[in-house]
Amino acid sequence: MNNTILNFLTTLVLAIIASLFMPWWSVMLAAFLAAVFFSLKGISVFFIPFLAIFIYWMVYAFLLSNTNDFTLAKKIAVLLPLGGNAYVLILVTAAVGGIAAGVAGVFGKQCKDLLKK
């Protein structure tokens, strides 16, 4: 397997495991560690961790909200300028997690390059 798939899977598995015991920012730690061990090149350094956590948080938020018929998600979506749409709130939530993981992935790659020199 190439580094792209390994980075994606490592980020996803570490994020799922770390989320059981740690706060929300554990996805950043997972992306950082995956970037240190499975180095990527170019723009994929940001987008592979972004995509892994985006998918994870979107599925997880959907499953949590689906169990209570999106009641809380609809109320939060009213507070934000989302028109009360719970699905848009899930996408925004996933995007926030994805951006955090993407930045952590870039930081992990830069730390690896810095220590390599």
PDB file of N, CA and C in Angstrom:
ATOM      1  N   MET A   1       0.839  -1.184   0.000  1.00  0.00           N
ATOM      2  CA  MET A   1       0.000   0.000   0.000  1.00  0.00           C
ATOM      3  C   MET A   1       0.877   1.238   0.000  1.00  0.00           C
ATOM      4  N   ASN A   2       0.376   2.262  -0.626  1.00  0.00           N
ATOM      5  CA  ASN A   2       1.167   3.489  -0.662  1.00  0.00           C
ATOM      6  C   ASN A   2       0.900   4.354   0.566  1.00  0.00           C
ATOM      7  N   ASN A   3       1.694   5.394   0.710  1.00  0.00           N
ATOM      8  CA  ASN A   3       1.609   6.243   1.898  1.00  0.00           C
ATOM      9  C   ASN A   3       0.278   6.967   2.029  1.00  0.00           C
ATOM     10  N   THR A   4      -0.382   7.259   0.917  1.00  0.00           N
ATOM     11  CA  THR A   4      -1.657   7.968   0.978  1.00  0.00           C
ATOM     12  C   THR A   4      -2.708   7.131   1.698  1.00  0.00           C
ATOM     13  N   ILE A   5      -2.820   5.880   1.309  1.00  0.00           N
ATOM     14  CA  ILE A   5      -3.811   5.000   1.934  1.00  0.00           C
ATOM     15  C   ILE A   5      -3.421   4.709   3.379  1.00  0.00           C
ATOM     16  N   LEU A   6      -2.141   4.485   3.628  1.00  0.00           N
ATOM     17  CA  LEU A   6      -1.683   4.229   4.991  1.00  0.00           C
ATOM     18  C   LEU A   6      -1.930   5.426   5.901  1.00  0.00           C
ATOM     19  N   ASN A   7      -1.664   6.620   5.401  1.00  0.00           N
ATOM     20  CA  ASN A   7      -1.910   7.830   6.188  1.00  0.00           C
ATOM     21  C   ASN A   7      -3.396   7.975   6.484  1.00  0.00           C
ATOM     22  N   PHE A   8      -4.235   7.763   5.488  1.00  0.00           N
ATOM     23  CA  PHE A   8      -5.682   7.874   5.650  1.00  0.00           C
ATOM     24  C   PHE A   8      -6.184   6.893   6.707  1.00  0.00           C
ATOM     25  N   LEU A   9      -5.799   5.626   6.557  1.00  0.00           N
ATOM     26  CA  LEU A   9      -6.267   4.602   7.481  1.00  0.00           C
ATOM     27  C   LEU A   9      -5.710   4.798   8.891  1.00  0.00           C
ATOM     28  N   THR A  10      -4.433   5.186   8.983  1.00  0.00           N
ATOM     29  CA  THR A  10      -3.836   5.425  10.298  1.00  0.00           C
ATOM     30  C   THR A  10      -4.519   6.589  10.996  1.00  0.00           C
ATOM     31  N   THR A  11      -4.761   7.660  10.263  1.00  0.00           N
ATOM     32  CA  THR A  11      -5.460   8.805  10.848  1.00  0.00           C
ATOM     33  C   THR A  11      -6.838   8.403  11.326  1.00  0.00           C
ATOM     34  N   LEU A  12      -7.546   7.660  10.516  1.00  0.00           N
ATOM     35  CA  LEU A  12      -8.907   7.254  10.852  1.00  0.00           C
ATOM     36  C   LEU A  12      -8.932   6.332  12.072  1.00  0.00           C
ATOM     37  N   VAL A  13      -8.082   5.323  12.089  1.00  0.00           N
ATOM     38  CA  VAL A  13      -8.077   4.362  13.201  1.00  0.00           C
ATOM     39  C   VAL A  13      -7.615   5.030  14.498  1.00  0.00           C
ATOM     40  N   LEU A  14      -6.542   5.807  14.420  1.00  0.00           N
ATOM     41  CA  LEU A  14      -6.071   6.498  15.623  1.00  0.00           C
ATOM     42  C   LEU A  14      -7.113   7.479  16.155  1.00  0.00           C
ATOM     43  N   ALA A  15      -7.814   8.154  15.252  1.00  0.00           N
ATOM     44  CA  ALA A  15      -8.842   9.111  15.679  1.00  0.00           C
ATOM     45  C   ALA A  15     -10.002   8.401  16.361  1.00  0.00           C
ATOM     46  N   ILE A  16     -10.399   7.274  15.826  1.00  0.00           N
ATOM     47  CA  ILE A  16     -11.509   6.534  16.430  1.00  0.00           C
ATOM     48  C   ILE A  16     -11.116   6.037  17.818  1.00  0.00           C
ATOM     49  N   ILE A  17      -9.917   5.484  17.930  1.00  0.00           N
ATOM     50  CA  ILE A  17      -9.466   4.970  19.229  1.00  0.00           C
ATOM     51  C   ILE A  17      -9.262   6.111  20.228  1.00  0.00           C
ATOM     52  N   ALA A  18      -8.604   7.174  19.788  1.00  0.00           N
ATOM     53  CA  ALA A  18      -8.329   8.288  20.696  1.00  0.00           C
ATOM     54  C   ALA A  18      -9.610   9.002  21.125  1.00  0.00           C
ATOM     55  N   SER A  19     -10.613   9.027  20.265  1.00  0.00           N
ATOM     56  CA  SER A  19     -11.867   9.702  20.605  1.00  0.00           C
ATOM     57  C   SER A  19     -12.624   8.996  21.726  1.00  0.00           C
ATOM     58  N   LEU A  20     -12.303   7.758  21.959  1.00  0.00           N
ATOM     59  CA  LEU A  20     -12.956   7.038  23.043  1.00  0.00           C
ATOM     60  C   LEU A  20     -12.487   7.510  24.414  1.00  0.00           C
ATOM     61  N   PHE A  21     -11.241   8.003  24.482  1.00  0.00           N
ATOM     62  CA  PHE A  21     -10.640   8.330  25.765  1.00  0.00           C
ATOM     63  C   PHE A  21     -10.269   9.803  25.931  1.00  0.00           C
ATOM     64  N   MET A  22     -10.208  10.540  24.838  1.00  0.00           N
ATOM     65  CA  MET A  22      -9.709  11.908  24.882  1.00  0.00           C
ATOM     66  C   MET A  22     -10.750  12.876  24.328  1.00  0.00           C
ATOM     67  N   PRO A  23     -10.537  14.185  24.495  1.00  0.00           N
ATOM     68  CA  PRO A  23     -11.477  15.191  23.968  1.00  0.00           C
ATOM     69  C   PRO A  23     -11.415  15.285  22.435  1.00  0.00           C
ATOM     70  N   TRP A  24     -12.132  16.247  21.906  1.00  0.00           N
ATOM     71  CA  TRP A  24     -12.291  16.390  20.459  1.00  0.00           C
ATOM     72  C   TRP A  24     -10.970  16.592  19.738  1.00  0.00           C
ATOM     73  N   TRP A  25      -9.987  17.221  20.383  1.00  0.00           N
ATOM     74  CA  TRP A  25      -8.733  17.537  19.709  1.00  0.00           C
ATOM     75  C   TRP A  25      -7.853  16.314  19.518  1.00  0.00           C
ATOM     76  N   SER A  26      -8.290  15.162  19.961  1.00  0.00           N
ATOM     77  CA  SER A  26      -7.514  13.942  19.743  1.00  0.00           C
ATOM     78  C   SER A  26      -7.390  13.606  18.264  1.00  0.00           C
ATOM     79  N   VAL A  27      -8.315  14.108  17.443  1.00  0.00           N
ATOM     80  CA  VAL A  27      -8.190  13.875  15.995  1.00  0.00           C
ATOM     81  C   VAL A  27      -6.972  14.606  15.442  1.00  0.00           C
ATOM     82  N   MET A  28      -6.617  15.717  16.068  1.00  0.00           N
ATOM     83  CA  MET A  28      -5.422  16.439  15.639  1.00  0.00           C
ATOM     84  C   MET A  28      -4.170  15.641  15.994  1.00  0.00           C
ATOM     85  N   LEU A  29      -4.165  15.020  17.129  1.00  0.00           N
ATOM     86  CA  LEU A  29      -3.048  14.171  17.529  1.00  0.00           C
ATOM     87  C   LEU A  29      -2.926  12.978  16.580  1.00  0.00           C
ATOM     88  N   ALA A  30      -4.050  12.402  16.189  1.00  0.00           N
ATOM     89  CA  ALA A  30      -4.040  11.274  15.256  1.00  0.00           C
ATOM     90  C   ALA A  30      -3.477  11.691  13.898  1.00  0.00           C
ATOM     91  N   ALA A  31      -3.894  12.844  13.396  1.00  0.00           N
ATOM     92  CA  ALA A  31      -3.395  13.330  12.108  1.00  0.00           C
ATOM     93  C   ALA A  31      -1.911  13.672  12.186  1.00  0.00           C
ATOM     94  N   PHE A  32      -1.493  14.248  13.298  1.00  0.00           N
ATOM     95  CA  PHE A  32      -0.084  14.582  13.501  1.00  0.00           C
ATOM     96  C   PHE A  32       0.775  13.322  13.476  1.00  0.00           C
ATOM     97  N   LEU A  33       0.383  12.312  14.231  1.00  0.00           N
ATOM     98  CA  LEU A  33       1.157  11.072  14.288  1.00  0.00           C
ATOM     99  C   LEU A  33       1.176  10.351  12.938  1.00  0.00           C
ATOM    100  N   ALA A  34       0.056  10.338  12.259  1.00  0.00           N
ATOM    101  CA  ALA A  34       0.008   9.698  10.940  1.00  0.00           C
ATOM    102  C   ALA A  34       0.921  10.418   9.951  1.00  0.00           C
ATOM    103  N   ALA A  35       0.986  11.734  10.038  1.00  0.00           N
ATOM    104  CA  ALA A  35       1.857  12.500   9.134  1.00  0.00           C
ATOM    105  C   ALA A  35       3.325  12.286   9.463  1.00  0.00           C
ATOM    106  N   VAL A  36       3.634  12.056  10.716  1.00  0.00           N
ATOM    107  CA  VAL A  36       5.026  11.801  11.094  1.00  0.00           C
ATOM    108  C   VAL A  36       5.469  10.433  10.573  1.00  0.00           C
ATOM    109  N   PHE A  37       4.618   9.439  10.688  1.00  0.00           N
ATOM    110  CA  PHE A  37       5.007   8.083  10.303  1.00  0.00           C
ATOM    111  C   PHE A  37       4.826   7.786   8.821  1.00  0.00           C
ATOM    112  N   PHE A  38       3.816   8.360   8.191  1.00  0.00           N
ATOM    113  CA  PHE A  38       3.552   8.119   6.775  1.00  0.00           C
ATOM    114  C   PHE A  38       3.516   9.456   6.056  1.00  0.00           C
ATOM    115  N   SER A  39       4.669   9.872   5.623  1.00  0.00           N
ATOM    116  CA  SER A  39       4.840  11.187   5.044  1.00  0.00           C
ATOM    117  C   SER A  39       4.184  11.281   3.660  1.00  0.00           C
ATOM    118  N   LEU A  40       3.539  12.389   3.410  1.00  0.00           N
ATOM    119  CA  LEU A  40       2.906  12.659   2.118  1.00  0.00           C
ATOM    120  C   LEU A  40       3.599  13.838   1.460  1.00  0.00           C
ATOM    121  N   LYS A  41       3.282  14.059   0.201  1.00  0.00           N
ATOM    122  CA  LYS A  41       3.900  15.160  -0.532  1.00  0.00           C
ATOM    123  C   LYS A  41       2.821  16.069  -1.108  1.00  0.00           C
ATOM    124  N   GLY A  42       3.198  17.317  -1.254  1.00  0.00           N
ATOM    125  CA  GLY A  42       2.313  18.293  -1.891  1.00  0.00           C
ATOM    126  C   GLY A  42       1.084  18.606  -1.055  1.00  0.00           C
ATOM    127  N   ILE A  43       0.007  18.851  -1.757  1.00  0.00           N
ATOM    128  CA  ILE A  43      -1.224  19.286  -1.105  1.00  0.00           C
ATOM    129  C   ILE A  43      -1.927  18.143  -0.385  1.00  0.00           C
ATOM    130  N   SER A  44      -1.534  16.903  -0.675  1.00  0.00           N
ATOM    131  CA  SER A  44      -2.159  15.765   0.005  1.00  0.00           C
ATOM    132  C   SER A  44      -1.805  15.714   1.488  1.00  0.00           C
ATOM    133  N   VAL A  45      -0.762  16.433   1.892  1.00  0.00           N
ATOM    134  CA  VAL A  45      -0.405  16.512   3.319  1.00  0.00           C
ATOM    135  C   VAL A  45      -1.571  17.092   4.113  1.00  0.00           C
ATOM    136  N   PHE A  46      -2.293  18.027   3.532  1.00  0.00           N
ATOM    137  CA  PHE A  46      -3.455  18.624   4.193  1.00  0.00           C
ATOM    138  C   PHE A  46      -4.725  17.818   3.913  1.00  0.00           C
ATOM    139  N   PHE A  47      -4.947  17.427   2.666  1.00  0.00           N
ATOM    140  CA  PHE A  47      -6.247  16.896   2.276  1.00  0.00           C
ATOM    141  C   PHE A  47      -6.512  15.454   2.695  1.00  0.00           C
ATOM    142  N   ILE A  48      -5.505  14.632   2.864  1.00  0.00           N
ATOM    143  CA  ILE A  48      -5.747  13.252   3.293  1.00  0.00           C
ATOM    144  C   ILE A  48      -6.229  13.213   4.751  1.00  0.00           C
ATOM    145  N   PRO A  49      -5.548  13.871   5.706  1.00  0.00           N
ATOM    146  CA  PRO A  49      -6.113  13.913   7.064  1.00  0.00           C
ATOM    147  C   PRO A  49      -7.460  14.645   7.119  1.00  0.00           C
ATOM    148  N   PHE A  50      -7.598  15.699   6.308  1.00  0.00           N
ATOM    149  CA  PHE A  50      -8.866  16.420   6.243  1.00  0.00           C
ATOM    150  C   PHE A  50      -9.991  15.477   5.854  1.00  0.00           C
ATOM    151  N   LEU A  51      -9.784  14.704   4.807  1.00  0.00           N
ATOM    152  CA  LEU A  51     -10.812  13.796   4.319  1.00  0.00           C
ATOM    153  C   LEU A  51     -11.115  12.691   5.332  1.00  0.00           C
ATOM    154  N   ALA A  52     -10.084  12.154   5.973  1.00  0.00           N
ATOM    155  CA  ALA A  52     -10.290  11.079   6.953  1.00  0.00           C
ATOM    156  C   ALA A  52     -11.155  11.555   8.113  1.00  0.00           C
ATOM    157  N   ILE A  53     -10.831  12.705   8.675  1.00  0.00           N
ATOM    158  CA  ILE A  53     -11.585  13.197   9.827  1.00  0.00           C
ATOM    159  C   ILE A  53     -12.927  13.772   9.400  1.00  0.00           C
ATOM    160  N   PHE A  54     -12.998  14.358   8.216  1.00  0.00           N
ATOM    161  CA  PHE A  54     -14.278  14.850   7.697  1.00  0.00           C
ATOM    162  C   PHE A  54     -15.282  13.704   7.619  1.00  0.00           C
ATOM    163  N   ILE A  55     -14.870  12.594   7.044  1.00  0.00           N
ATOM    164  CA  ILE A  55     -15.762  11.443   6.922  1.00  0.00           C
ATOM    165  C   ILE A  55     -16.108  10.880   8.295  1.00  0.00           C
ATOM    166  N   TYR A  56     -15.100  10.756   9.155  1.00  0.00           N
ATOM    167  CA  TYR A  56     -15.338  10.205  10.497  1.00  0.00           C
ATOM    168  C   TYR A  56     -16.329  11.068  11.283  1.00  0.00           C
ATOM    169  N   TRP A  57     -16.100  12.366  11.342  1.00  0.00           N
ATOM    170  CA  TRP A  57     -16.988  13.233  12.115  1.00  0.00           C
ATOM    171  C   TRP A  57     -18.371  13.337  11.488  1.00  0.00           C
ATOM    172  N   MET A  58     -18.458  13.289  10.165  1.00  0.00           N
ATOM    173  CA  MET A  58     -19.759  13.375   9.521  1.00  0.00           C
ATOM    174  C   MET A  58     -20.591  12.122   9.851  1.00  0.00           C
ATOM    175  N   VAL A  59     -19.983  10.962   9.737  1.00  0.00           N
ATOM    176  CA  VAL A  59     -20.701   9.724  10.045  1.00  0.00           C
ATOM    177  C   VAL A  59     -21.058   9.664  11.530  1.00  0.00           C
ATOM    178  N   TYR A  60     -20.117  10.027  12.385  1.00  0.00           N
ATOM    179  CA  TYR A  60     -20.353   9.976  13.827  1.00  0.00           C
ATOM    180  C   TYR A  60     -21.447  10.965  14.251  1.00  0.00           C
ATOM    181  N   ALA A  61     -21.402  12.178  13.718  1.00  0.00           N
ATOM    182  CA  ALA A  61     -22.434  13.175  14.052  1.00  0.00           C
ATOM    183  C   ALA A  61     -23.799  12.740  13.533  1.00  0.00           C
ATOM    184  N   PHE A  62     -23.816  12.139  12.343  1.00  0.00           N
ATOM    185  CA  PHE A  62     -25.088  11.659  11.802  1.00  0.00           C
ATOM    186  C   PHE A  62     -25.664  10.549  12.669  1.00  0.00           C
ATOM    187  N   LEU A  63     -24.809   9.607  13.077  1.00  0.00           N
ATOM    188  CA  LEU A  63     -25.291   8.506  13.904  1.00  0.00           C
ATOM    189  C   LEU A  63     -25.781   8.984  15.267  1.00  0.00           C
ATOM    190  N   LEU A  64     -25.062   9.931  15.865  1.00  0.00           N
ATOM    191  CA  LEU A  64     -25.508  10.464  17.156  1.00  0.00           C
ATOM    192  C   LEU A  64     -26.815  11.239  17.023  1.00  0.00           C
ATOM    193  N   SER A  65     -26.944  12.018  15.969  1.00  0.00           N
ATOM    194  CA  SER A  65     -28.148  12.831  15.793  1.00  0.00           C
ATOM    195  C   SER A  65     -29.337  11.994  15.341  1.00  0.00           C
ATOM    196  N   ASN A  66     -29.071  10.960  14.614  1.00  0.00           N
ATOM    197  CA  ASN A  66     -30.151  10.128  14.092  1.00  0.00           C
ATOM    198  C   ASN A  66     -30.878   9.385  15.213  1.00  0.00           C
ATOM    199  N   THR A  67     -30.170   9.090  16.292  1.00  0.00           N
ATOM    200  CA  THR A  67     -30.810   8.347  17.381  1.00  0.00           C
ATOM    201  C   THR A  67     -31.888   9.159  18.095  1.00  0.00           C
ATOM    202  N   ASN A  68     -31.807  10.475  18.063  1.00  0.00           N
ATOM    203  CA  ASN A  68     -32.832  11.299  18.711  1.00  0.00           C
ATOM    204  C   ASN A  68     -33.603  12.144  17.696  1.00  0.00           C
ATOM    205  N   ASP A  69     -33.647  11.673  16.459  1.00  0.00           N
ATOM    206  CA  ASP A  69     -34.408  12.323  15.382  1.00  0.00           C
ATOM    207  C   ASP A  69     -33.942  13.761  15.137  1.00  0.00           C
ATOM    208  N   PHE A  70     -32.656  14.004  15.298  1.00  0.00           N
ATOM    209  CA  PHE A  70     -32.012  15.293  15.004  1.00  0.00           C
ATOM    210  C   PHE A  70     -32.578  16.446  15.832  1.00  0.00           C
ATOM    211  N   THR A  71     -33.106  16.161  16.995  1.00  0.00           N
ATOM    212  CA  THR A  71     -33.722  17.193  17.829  1.00  0.00           C
ATOM    213  C   THR A  71     -32.719  18.259  18.254  1.00  0.00           C
ATOM    214  N   LEU A  72     -31.625  17.829  18.854  1.00  0.00           N
ATOM    215  CA  LEU A  72     -30.622  18.796  19.314  1.00  0.00           C
ATOM    216  C   LEU A  72     -29.936  19.482  18.135  1.00  0.00           C
ATOM    217  N   ALA A  73     -29.659  18.741  17.077  1.00  0.00           N
ATOM    218  CA  ALA A  73     -29.000  19.323  15.912  1.00  0.00           C
ATOM    219  C   ALA A  73     -29.857  20.424  15.283  1.00  0.00           C
ATOM    220  N   LYS A  74     -31.147  20.219  15.243  1.00  0.00           N
ATOM    221  CA  LYS A  74     -32.041  21.241  14.687  1.00  0.00           C
ATOM    222  C   LYS A  74     -32.043  22.499  15.552  1.00  0.00           C
ATOM    223  N   LYS A  75     -32.003  22.311  16.872  1.00  0.00           N
ATOM    224  CA  LYS A  75     -31.994  23.470  17.776  1.00  0.00           C
ATOM    225  C   LYS A  75     -30.683  24.245  17.665  1.00  0.00           C
ATOM    226  N   ILE A  76     -29.577  23.537  17.537  1.00  0.00           N
ATOM    227  CA  ILE A  76     -28.280  24.209  17.371  1.00  0.00           C
ATOM    228  C   ILE A  76     -28.220  24.892  16.007  1.00  0.00           C
ATOM    229  N   ALA A  77     -28.775  24.256  14.982  1.00  0.00           N
ATOM    230  CA  ALA A  77     -28.769  24.849  13.644  1.00  0.00           C
ATOM    231  C   ALA A  77     -29.601  26.120  13.582  1.00  0.00           C
ATOM    232  N   VAL A  78     -30.580  26.272  14.471  1.00  0.00           N
ATOM    233  CA  VAL A  78     -31.361  27.506  14.542  1.00  0.00           C
ATOM    234  C   VAL A  78     -30.512  28.619  15.143  1.00  0.00           C
ATOM    235  N   LEU A  79     -29.683  28.268  16.134  1.00  0.00           N
ATOM    236  CA  LEU A  79     -28.829  29.271  16.769  1.00  0.00           C
ATOM    237  C   LEU A  79     -27.769  29.804  15.810  1.00  0.00           C
ATOM    238  N   LEU A  80     -27.259  28.947  14.954  1.00  0.00           N
ATOM    239  CA  LEU A  80     -26.281  29.361  13.946  1.00  0.00           C
ATOM    240  C   LEU A  80     -27.025  29.781  12.685  1.00  0.00           C
ATOM    241  N   PRO A  81     -26.404  30.541  11.818  1.00  0.00           N
ATOM    242  CA  PRO A  81     -27.110  30.973  10.601  1.00  0.00           C
ATOM    243  C   PRO A  81     -27.190  29.856   9.560  1.00  0.00           C
ATOM    244  N   LEU A  82     -27.830  28.735   9.929  1.00  0.00           N
ATOM    245  CA  LEU A  82     -27.936  27.586   9.031  1.00  0.00           C
ATOM    246  C   LEU A  82     -29.377  27.293   8.634  1.00  0.00           C
ATOM    247  N   GLY A  83     -30.273  28.146   9.023  1.00  0.00           N
ATOM    248  CA  GLY A  83     -31.670  27.976   8.647  1.00  0.00           C
ATOM    249  C   GLY A  83     -32.346  26.803   9.332  1.00  0.00           C
ATOM    250  N   GLY A  84     -31.798  26.314  10.417  1.00  0.00           N
ATOM    251  CA  GLY A  84     -32.403  25.193  11.122  1.00  0.00           C
ATOM    252  C   GLY A  84     -32.180  23.850  10.468  1.00  0.00           C
ATOM    253  N   ASN A  85     -31.287  23.774   9.500  1.00  0.00           N
ATOM    254  CA  ASN A  85     -31.031  22.531   8.785  1.00  0.00           C
ATOM    255  C   ASN A  85     -29.963  21.716   9.525  1.00  0.00           C
ATOM    256  N   ALA A  86     -30.360  20.580  10.061  1.00  0.00           N
ATOM    257  CA  ALA A  86     -29.450  19.733  10.836  1.00  0.00           C
ATOM    258  C   ALA A  86     -28.369  19.123   9.955  1.00  0.00           C
ATOM    259  N   TYR A  87     -28.667  18.847   8.714  1.00  0.00           N
ATOM    260  CA  TYR A  87     -27.679  18.234   7.819  1.00  0.00           C
ATOM    261  C   TYR A  87     -26.541  19.204   7.483  1.00  0.00           C
ATOM    262  N   VAL A  88     -26.869  20.463   7.352  1.00  0.00           N
ATOM    263  CA  VAL A  88     -25.830  21.468   7.117  1.00  0.00           C
ATOM    264  C   VAL A  88     -24.956  21.602   8.356  1.00  0.00           C
ATOM    265  N   LEU A  89     -25.559  21.510   9.528  1.00  0.00           N
ATOM    266  CA  LEU A  89     -24.787  21.543  10.773  1.00  0.00           C
ATOM    267  C   LEU A  89     -23.812  20.372  10.838  1.00  0.00           C
ATOM    268  N   ILE A  90     -24.239  19.202  10.396  1.00  0.00           N
ATOM    269  CA  ILE A  90     -23.350  18.039  10.371  1.00  0.00           C
ATOM    270  C   ILE A  90     -22.193  18.288   9.410  1.00  0.00           C
ATOM    271  N   LEU A  91     -22.443  18.885   8.269  1.00  0.00           N
ATOM    272  CA  LEU A  91     -21.367  19.198   7.312  1.00  0.00           C
ATOM    273  C   LEU A  91     -20.402  20.240   7.881  1.00  0.00           C
ATOM    274  N   VAL A  92     -20.940  21.238   8.565  1.00  0.00           N
ATOM    275  CA  VAL A  92     -20.082  22.254   9.185  1.00  0.00           C
ATOM    276  C   VAL A  92     -19.220  21.630  10.279  1.00  0.00           C
ATOM    277  N   THR A  93     -19.820  20.763  11.070  1.00  0.00           N
ATOM    278  CA  THR A  93     -19.082  20.067  12.117  1.00  0.00           C
ATOM    279  C   THR A  93     -17.949  19.240  11.524  1.00  0.00           C
ATOM    280  N   ALA A  94     -18.242  18.506  10.468  1.00  0.00           N
ATOM    281  CA  ALA A  94     -17.230  17.680   9.811  1.00  0.00           C
ATOM    282  C   ALA A  94     -16.128  18.544   9.201  1.00  0.00           C
ATOM    283  N   ALA A  95     -16.492  19.688   8.644  1.00  0.00           N
ATOM    284  CA  ALA A  95     -15.489  20.579   8.049  1.00  0.00           C
ATOM    285  C   ALA A  95     -14.552  21.153   9.109  1.00  0.00           C
ATOM    286  N   VAL A  96     -15.090  21.496  10.267  1.00  0.00           N
ATOM    287  CA  VAL A  96     -14.248  22.019  11.354  1.00  0.00           C
ATOM    288  C   VAL A  96     -13.249  20.962  11.801  1.00  0.00           C
ATOM    289  N   GLY A  97     -13.714  19.738  11.985  1.00  0.00           N
ATOM    290  CA  GLY A  97     -12.808  18.656  12.359  1.00  0.00           C
ATOM    291  C   GLY A  97     -11.793  18.364  11.282  1.00  0.00           C
ATOM    292  N   GLY A  98     -12.219  18.419  10.025  1.00  0.00           N
ATOM    293  CA  GLY A  98     -11.311  18.169   8.914  1.00  0.00           C
ATOM    294  C   GLY A  98     -10.231  19.227   8.800  1.00  0.00           C
ATOM    295  N   ILE A  99     -10.594  20.473   8.989  1.00  0.00           N
ATOM    296  CA  ILE A  99      -9.598  21.550   8.931  1.00  0.00           C
ATOM    297  C   ILE A  99      -8.590  21.408  10.065  1.00  0.00           C
ATOM    298  N   ALA A 100      -9.072  21.078  11.253  1.00  0.00           N
ATOM    299  CA  ALA A 100      -8.164  20.881  12.391  1.00  0.00           C
ATOM    300  C   ALA A 100      -7.189  19.737  12.107  1.00  0.00           C
ATOM    301  N   ALA A 101      -7.693  18.642  11.547  1.00  0.00           N
ATOM    302  CA  ALA A 101      -6.825  17.504  11.241  1.00  0.00           C
ATOM    303  C   ALA A 101      -5.862  17.826  10.103  1.00  0.00           C
ATOM    304  N   GLY A 102      -6.319  18.562   9.111  1.00  0.00           N
ATOM    305  CA  GLY A 102      -5.442  18.933   8.007  1.00  0.00           C
ATOM    306  C   GLY A 102      -4.286  19.802   8.455  1.00  0.00           C
ATOM    307  N   VAL A 103      -4.570  20.755   9.313  1.00  0.00           N
ATOM    308  CA  VAL A 103      -3.513  21.621   9.846  1.00  0.00           C
ATOM    309  C   VAL A 103      -2.541  20.805  10.698  1.00  0.00           C
ATOM    310  N   ALA A 104      -3.067  19.869  11.484  1.00  0.00           N
ATOM    311  CA  ALA A 104      -2.198  19.015  12.293  1.00  0.00           C
ATOM    312  C   ALA A 104      -1.347  18.114  11.414  1.00  0.00           C
ATOM    313  N   GLY A 105      -1.895  17.658  10.301  1.00  0.00           N
ATOM    314  CA  GLY A 105      -1.114  16.857   9.366  1.00  0.00           C
ATOM    315  C   GLY A 105       0.031  17.639   8.748  1.00  0.00           C
ATOM    316  N   VAL A 106      -0.232  18.871   8.377  1.00  0.00           N
ATOM    317  CA  VAL A 106       0.825  19.727   7.837  1.00  0.00           C
ATOM    318  C   VAL A 106       1.890  19.980   8.898  1.00  0.00           C
ATOM    319  N   PHE A 107       1.465  20.204  10.122  1.00  0.00           N
ATOM    320  CA  PHE A 107       2.408  20.433  11.213  1.00  0.00           C
ATOM    321  C   PHE A 107       3.260  19.186  11.469  1.00  0.00           C
ATOM    322  N   GLY A 108       2.645  18.011  11.404  1.00  0.00           N
ATOM    323  CA  GLY A 108       3.396  16.776  11.585  1.00  0.00           C
ATOM    324  C   GLY A 108       4.441  16.575  10.503  1.00  0.00           C
ATOM    325  N   LYS A 109       4.087  16.881   9.271  1.00  0.00           N
ATOM    326  CA  LYS A 109       5.042  16.775   8.161  1.00  0.00           C
ATOM    327  C   LYS A 109       6.188  17.766   8.334  1.00  0.00           C
ATOM    328  N   GLN A 110       5.869  18.984   8.741  1.00  0.00           N
ATOM    329  CA  GLN A 110       6.913  19.991   8.942  1.00  0.00           C
ATOM    330  C   GLN A 110       7.831  19.626  10.102  1.00  0.00           C
ATOM    331  N   CYS A 111       7.282  19.065  11.169  1.00  0.00           N
ATOM    332  CA  CYS A 111       8.112  18.635  12.288  1.00  0.00           C
ATOM    333  C   CYS A 111       9.036  17.498  11.870  1.00  0.00           C
ATOM    334  N   LYS A 112       8.531  16.584  11.079  1.00  0.00           N
ATOM    335  CA  LYS A 112       9.349  15.465  10.599  1.00  0.00           C
ATOM    336  C   LYS A 112      10.488  15.990   9.718  1.00  0.00           C
ATOM    337  N   ASP A 113      10.175  16.918   8.827  1.00  0.00           N
ATOM    338  CA  ASP A 113      11.206  17.492   7.966  1.00  0.00           C
ATOM    339  C   ASP A 113      12.235  18.288   8.763  1.00  0.00           C
ATOM    340  N   LEU A 114      11.780  18.991   9.778  1.00  0.00           N
ATOM    341  CA  LEU A 114      12.680  19.779  10.615  1.00  0.00           C
ATOM    342  C   LEU A 114      13.635  18.881  11.404  1.00  0.00           C
ATOM    343  N   LEU A 115      13.117  17.804  11.945  1.00  0.00           N
ATOM    344  CA  LEU A 115      13.954  16.890  12.720  1.00  0.00           C
ATOM    345  C   LEU A 115      14.865  16.042  11.835  1.00  0.00           C
ATOM    346  N   LYS A 116      14.478  15.871  10.580  1.00  0.00           N
ATOM    347  CA  LYS A 116      15.298  15.103   9.640  1.00  0.00           C
ATOM    348  C   LYS A 116      16.583  15.845   9.311  1.00  0.00           C
ATOM    349  N   LYS A 117      16.522  17.179   9.284  1.00  0.00           N
ATOM    350  CA  LYS A 117      17.682  17.992   8.972  1.00  0.00           C
ATOM    351  C   LYS A 117      18.571  18.018  10.152  1.00  0.00           C
TER     352      LYS A 117
END
